[in-house]
């Protein structure tokens, strides 16, 4: 996922204020933030909640994801 905070917030429908609070204050994201991320990128949902990956089950982290061709990416793709 190579996108800035603004595009990320727009993509998942979360305000900049909420994202900034999570990043700057170390706030834990609530389900209203985690759920749209998990729906958009289901392959990351297990990692997002546990910090663990199970690649053979399709549960990966962004670091394990194959790079995508940015020329074919849209706001829908990461």
N, C-alpha and C. Protein backbone atom coordinates (compact mmCIF):
# COMPACT_ATOMS: atom_id res chain seq x y z
N UNK A 1 0.85 -1.17 0.00
CA UNK A 1 0.00 0.00 0.00
C UNK A 1 0.89 1.23 0.00
N UNK A 2 0.98 1.87 -1.10
CA UNK A 2 1.79 3.07 -1.18
C UNK A 2 0.87 4.25 -1.40
N UNK A 3 0.29 4.75 -0.30
CA UNK A 3 -0.60 5.90 -0.39
C UNK A 3 -0.41 6.75 0.86
N UNK A 4 -0.68 8.01 0.72
CA UNK A 4 -0.56 8.91 1.86
C UNK A 4 -1.76 8.82 2.78
N UNK A 5 -1.68 9.52 3.90
CA UNK A 5 -2.75 9.49 4.89
C UNK A 5 -4.08 9.98 4.31
N UNK A 6 -4.03 11.02 3.49
CA UNK A 6 -5.27 11.56 2.93
C UNK A 6 -5.98 10.52 2.07
N UNK A 7 -5.26 9.94 1.15
CA UNK A 7 -5.85 8.93 0.25
C UNK A 7 -6.30 7.70 1.05
N UNK A 8 -5.50 7.29 2.02
CA UNK A 8 -5.87 6.16 2.86
C UNK A 8 -7.18 6.44 3.59
N UNK A 9 -7.29 7.61 4.22
CA UNK A 9 -8.51 7.98 4.92
C UNK A 9 -9.72 8.02 4.01
N UNK A 10 -9.55 8.59 2.83
CA UNK A 10 -10.65 8.63 1.85
C UNK A 10 -11.05 7.23 1.42
N UNK A 11 -10.07 6.36 1.22
CA UNK A 11 -10.34 5.01 0.75
C UNK A 11 -11.14 4.20 1.77
N UNK A 12 -10.83 4.38 3.06
CA UNK A 12 -11.53 3.60 4.08
C UNK A 12 -12.66 4.37 4.76
N UNK A 13 -12.82 5.65 4.42
CA UNK A 13 -13.90 6.44 4.98
C UNK A 13 -13.67 6.86 6.43
N UNK A 14 -12.42 7.14 6.78
CA UNK A 14 -12.07 7.56 8.14
C UNK A 14 -11.45 8.95 8.07
N UNK A 15 -11.82 9.80 9.02
CA UNK A 15 -11.36 11.19 8.99
C UNK A 15 -9.87 11.30 9.28
N UNK A 16 -9.29 12.39 8.79
CA UNK A 16 -7.88 12.67 9.05
C UNK A 16 -7.63 12.83 10.55
N UNK A 17 -8.56 13.43 11.22
CA UNK A 17 -8.43 13.65 12.67
C UNK A 17 -8.28 12.32 13.41
N UNK A 18 -9.08 11.35 13.02
CA UNK A 18 -9.01 10.02 13.63
C UNK A 18 -7.68 9.36 13.34
N UNK A 19 -7.24 9.41 12.08
CA UNK A 19 -5.96 8.80 11.72
C UNK A 19 -4.80 9.47 12.43
N UNK A 20 -4.84 10.79 12.54
CA UNK A 20 -3.78 11.52 13.23
C UNK A 20 -3.74 11.15 14.71
N UNK A 21 -4.89 10.97 15.33
CA UNK A 21 -4.93 10.58 16.74
C UNK A 21 -4.30 9.21 16.94
N UNK A 22 -4.58 8.32 16.04
CA UNK A 22 -4.01 6.97 16.13
C UNK A 22 -2.50 7.03 15.96
N UNK A 23 -2.05 7.78 14.96
CA UNK A 23 -0.61 7.85 14.67
C UNK A 23 0.17 8.64 15.71
N UNK A 24 -0.29 9.81 16.04
CA UNK A 24 0.48 10.71 16.90
C UNK A 24 0.36 10.42 18.38
N UNK A 25 -0.81 10.03 18.80
CA UNK A 25 -1.02 9.80 20.23
C UNK A 25 -0.90 8.34 20.61
N UNK A 26 -0.72 7.49 19.62
CA UNK A 26 -0.62 6.06 19.91
C UNK A 26 -1.94 5.45 20.33
N UNK A 27 -3.04 6.10 19.94
CA UNK A 27 -4.36 5.56 20.27
C UNK A 27 -4.57 4.23 19.56
N UNK A 28 -5.27 3.34 20.20
CA UNK A 28 -5.62 2.08 19.55
C UNK A 28 -6.83 2.32 18.65
N UNK A 29 -6.77 1.83 17.41
CA UNK A 29 -7.92 2.02 16.53
C UNK A 29 -9.10 1.19 17.01
N UNK A 30 -10.28 1.77 16.89
CA UNK A 30 -11.51 1.08 17.26
C UNK A 30 -12.00 0.28 16.06
N UNK A 31 -13.03 -0.48 16.30
CA UNK A 31 -13.57 -1.34 15.24
C UNK A 31 -14.08 -0.52 14.05
N UNK A 32 -14.54 0.71 14.28
CA UNK A 32 -15.03 1.52 13.16
C UNK A 32 -13.90 1.95 12.23
N UNK A 33 -12.65 1.81 12.66
CA UNK A 33 -11.49 2.06 11.81
C UNK A 33 -10.96 0.74 11.25
N UNK A 34 -10.89 -0.28 12.09
CA UNK A 34 -10.34 -1.56 11.66
C UNK A 34 -11.23 -2.27 10.63
N UNK A 35 -12.53 -2.19 10.81
CA UNK A 35 -13.43 -2.90 9.91
C UNK A 35 -13.31 -2.47 8.44
N UNK A 36 -13.31 -1.16 8.14
CA UNK A 36 -13.16 -0.80 6.72
C UNK A 36 -11.80 -1.18 6.14
N UNK A 37 -10.76 -1.19 6.98
CA UNK A 37 -9.45 -1.63 6.50
C UNK A 37 -9.50 -3.11 6.17
N UNK A 38 -10.08 -3.90 7.06
CA UNK A 38 -10.18 -5.34 6.84
C UNK A 38 -11.05 -5.67 5.64
N UNK A 39 -12.09 -4.89 5.41
CA UNK A 39 -12.95 -5.12 4.24
C UNK A 39 -12.21 -4.79 2.94
N UNK A 40 -11.42 -3.72 2.97
CA UNK A 40 -10.69 -3.29 1.78
C UNK A 40 -9.53 -4.22 1.48
N UNK A 41 -8.81 -4.63 2.51
CA UNK A 41 -7.63 -5.48 2.36
C UNK A 41 -7.77 -6.70 3.26
N UNK A 42 -8.65 -7.64 2.94
CA UNK A 42 -8.89 -8.79 3.82
C UNK A 42 -7.64 -9.64 4.06
N UNK A 43 -6.71 -9.63 3.11
CA UNK A 43 -5.48 -10.42 3.29
C UNK A 43 -4.64 -9.91 4.46
N UNK A 44 -4.87 -8.67 4.90
CA UNK A 44 -4.11 -8.10 6.00
C UNK A 44 -4.87 -8.13 7.33
N UNK A 45 -6.10 -8.57 7.36
CA UNK A 45 -6.93 -8.44 8.56
C UNK A 45 -6.37 -9.22 9.74
N UNK A 46 -5.91 -10.44 9.52
CA UNK A 46 -5.35 -11.23 10.62
C UNK A 46 -4.10 -10.56 11.18
N UNK A 47 -3.22 -10.12 10.30
CA UNK A 47 -2.01 -9.43 10.71
C UNK A 47 -2.35 -8.14 11.47
N UNK A 48 -3.33 -7.41 10.99
CA UNK A 48 -3.72 -6.15 11.61
C UNK A 48 -4.18 -6.35 13.06
N UNK A 49 -4.90 -7.43 13.30
CA UNK A 49 -5.43 -7.68 14.64
C UNK A 49 -4.46 -8.40 15.56
N UNK A 50 -3.57 -9.23 15.00
CA UNK A 50 -2.70 -10.05 15.84
C UNK A 50 -1.22 -9.72 15.73
N UNK A 51 -0.81 -9.12 14.61
CA UNK A 51 0.60 -8.88 14.37
C UNK A 51 1.30 -10.10 13.78
N UNK A 52 0.54 -11.17 13.56
CA UNK A 52 1.09 -12.41 13.01
C UNK A 52 0.65 -12.61 11.57
N UNK A 53 1.39 -13.41 10.84
CA UNK A 53 1.01 -13.77 9.48
C UNK A 53 0.97 -15.29 9.35
N UNK A 54 0.15 -15.77 8.44
CA UNK A 54 0.09 -17.19 8.08
C UNK A 54 -0.02 -17.21 6.55
N UNK A 55 1.11 -17.02 5.86
CA UNK A 55 1.08 -16.89 4.40
C UNK A 55 0.39 -18.06 3.70
N UNK A 56 0.57 -19.28 4.20
CA UNK A 56 -0.05 -20.43 3.55
C UNK A 56 -1.58 -20.42 3.63
N UNK A 57 -2.13 -19.60 4.53
CA UNK A 57 -3.57 -19.43 4.65
C UNK A 57 -4.04 -18.12 4.01
N UNK A 58 -3.10 -17.36 3.43
CA UNK A 58 -3.45 -16.10 2.79
C UNK A 58 -3.44 -14.91 3.73
N UNK A 59 -3.00 -15.11 4.96
CA UNK A 59 -2.94 -14.03 5.94
C UNK A 59 -1.53 -13.43 5.92
N UNK A 60 -1.40 -12.29 5.25
CA UNK A 60 -0.09 -11.68 5.07
C UNK A 60 -0.08 -10.27 5.65
N UNK A 61 1.09 -9.68 5.67
CA UNK A 61 1.25 -8.28 6.06
C UNK A 61 1.61 -7.49 4.79
N UNK A 62 1.49 -6.17 4.82
CA UNK A 62 1.90 -5.39 3.65
C UNK A 62 3.34 -5.67 3.22
N UNK A 63 4.21 -5.97 4.18
CA UNK A 63 5.60 -6.25 3.86
C UNK A 63 5.75 -7.53 3.04
N UNK A 64 4.82 -8.46 3.18
CA UNK A 64 4.88 -9.72 2.43
C UNK A 64 4.15 -9.66 1.10
N UNK A 65 3.40 -8.60 0.88
CA UNK A 65 2.61 -8.48 -0.35
C UNK A 65 3.50 -8.27 -1.55
N UNK A 66 3.08 -8.82 -2.66
CA UNK A 66 3.81 -8.60 -3.91
C UNK A 66 3.54 -7.17 -4.37
N UNK A 67 4.57 -6.49 -4.87
CA UNK A 67 4.35 -5.13 -5.38
C UNK A 67 3.35 -5.14 -6.54
N UNK A 68 2.54 -4.12 -6.58
CA UNK A 68 1.56 -3.99 -7.67
C UNK A 68 2.05 -2.96 -8.66
N UNK A 69 1.59 -3.08 -9.88
CA UNK A 69 1.91 -2.12 -10.93
C UNK A 69 1.09 -0.86 -10.67
N UNK A 70 1.75 0.21 -10.26
CA UNK A 70 1.05 1.44 -9.91
C UNK A 70 0.32 2.07 -11.10
N UNK A 71 0.71 1.71 -12.32
CA UNK A 71 0.03 2.28 -13.49
C UNK A 71 -1.36 1.71 -13.66
N UNK A 72 -1.66 0.56 -13.01
CA UNK A 72 -2.99 -0.02 -13.12
C UNK A 72 -3.78 0.13 -11.83
N UNK A 73 -3.18 0.74 -10.81
CA UNK A 73 -3.87 0.93 -9.54
C UNK A 73 -4.87 2.06 -9.64
N UNK A 74 -5.95 1.89 -8.91
CA UNK A 74 -6.93 2.96 -8.75
C UNK A 74 -7.07 3.19 -7.26
N UNK A 75 -7.97 4.05 -6.86
CA UNK A 75 -8.21 4.26 -5.45
C UNK A 75 -8.68 2.95 -4.81
N UNK A 76 -9.33 2.11 -5.59
CA UNK A 76 -9.80 0.82 -5.10
C UNK A 76 -8.65 -0.13 -4.81
N UNK A 77 -7.56 -0.04 -5.56
CA UNK A 77 -6.43 -0.94 -5.37
C UNK A 77 -5.40 -0.30 -4.48
N UNK A 78 -4.59 -1.12 -3.84
CA UNK A 78 -3.56 -0.56 -2.97
C UNK A 78 -2.19 -0.76 -3.53
